[in-house]
Amino acid sequence: MYPIPSYHPSEIIQAQIHLAALEDRKTDAEILSKAAQLYFRIRQQVRSGRVIGLVDPERKDLLAEEIVEI
């Protein structure tokens, strides 16, 4: 494992992580791990030419919002 000595999230990010952990009954570390896994998966897919976005559940055939900055 590689330590990340310079990682110090802002108070806002820390609060969002903690709130998500409370809501999902997870630890802060589990939320960070899931976030990192999602980031790397998205990064891989974008590099292979895929588009990442959000889909309206009632219109699954239509991309509601494309996410361009990952």
Protein backbone atom coordinates (compact mmCIF):
# COMPACT_ATOMS: atom_id res chain seq x y z
CA MET A 1 0.00 0.00 0.00
CA TYR A 2 1.24 3.47 -0.83
CA PRO A 3 0.71 6.15 1.80
CA ILE A 4 -0.83 9.43 0.72
CA PRO A 5 0.84 11.88 3.11
CA SER A 6 -0.31 15.05 1.36
CA TYR A 7 -4.00 14.17 1.14
CA HIS A 8 -6.03 16.53 3.30
CA PRO A 9 -9.61 16.93 2.10
CA SER A 10 -11.34 20.24 2.74
CA GLU A 11 -13.80 20.48 5.59
CA ILE A 12 -16.67 20.46 3.07
CA ILE A 13 -15.43 17.23 1.45
CA GLN A 14 -14.85 15.66 4.87
CA ALA A 15 -18.41 16.53 5.86
CA GLN A 16 -19.82 15.09 2.62
CA ILE A 17 -17.84 11.88 3.10
CA HIS A 18 -19.00 11.57 6.69
CA LEU A 19 -22.65 12.28 5.81
CA ALA A 20 -22.59 9.68 3.03
CA ALA A 21 -21.04 7.19 5.43
CA LEU A 22 -23.75 7.83 8.00
CA GLU A 23 -26.56 7.61 5.43
CA ASP A 24 -25.18 4.40 3.90
CA ARG A 25 -24.10 2.87 7.22
CA LYS A 26 -20.50 2.62 6.06
CA THR A 27 -17.22 3.96 7.38
CA ASP A 28 -15.57 7.05 5.95
CA ALA A 29 -12.81 4.78 4.64
CA GLU A 30 -15.36 2.60 2.80
CA ILE A 31 -16.85 5.67 1.14
CA LEU A 32 -13.40 6.88 0.05
CA SER A 33 -12.56 3.42 -1.26
CA LYS A 34 -15.78 3.22 -3.27
CA ALA A 35 -15.19 6.73 -4.62
CA ALA A 36 -11.68 5.81 -5.74
CA GLN A 37 -12.90 2.58 -7.38
CA LEU A 38 -15.57 4.51 -9.27
CA TYR A 39 -13.05 7.16 -10.37
CA PHE A 40 -10.63 4.58 -11.77
CA ARG A 41 -13.44 2.69 -13.55
CA ILE A 42 -14.75 5.89 -15.13
CA ARG A 43 -11.23 6.99 -16.07
CA GLN A 44 -10.61 3.65 -17.81
CA GLN A 45 -13.89 3.84 -19.75
CA VAL A 46 -13.39 7.47 -20.82
CA ARG A 47 -9.89 6.64 -22.07
CA SER A 48 -11.34 3.82 -24.15
CA GLY A 49 -13.71 6.26 -25.85
CA ARG A 50 -16.88 5.83 -23.85
CA VAL A 51 -19.07 8.69 -22.68
CA ILE A 52 -19.98 8.88 -19.02
CA GLY A 53 -23.22 10.51 -18.01
CA LEU A 54 -26.49 10.49 -16.16
CA VAL A 55 -29.65 8.94 -17.53
CA ASP A 56 -33.22 9.86 -16.65
CA PRO A 57 -34.80 6.66 -15.28
CA GLU A 58 -37.94 7.30 -17.33
CA ARG A 59 -35.95 7.83 -20.54
CA LYS A 60 -33.16 5.28 -20.37
CA ASP A 61 -32.54 5.69 -24.08
CA LEU A 62 -31.60 9.36 -23.61
CA LEU A 63 -28.45 10.72 -21.98
CA ALA A 64 -29.70 13.44 -19.65
CA GLU A 65 -26.31 14.87 -18.72
CA GLU A 66 -22.85 14.03 -19.98
CA ILE A 67 -20.03 14.15 -17.45
CA VAL A 68 -16.99 15.57 -19.21
CA GLU A 69 -14.48 16.45 -16.50
CA ILE A 70 -13.11 13.32 -14.82
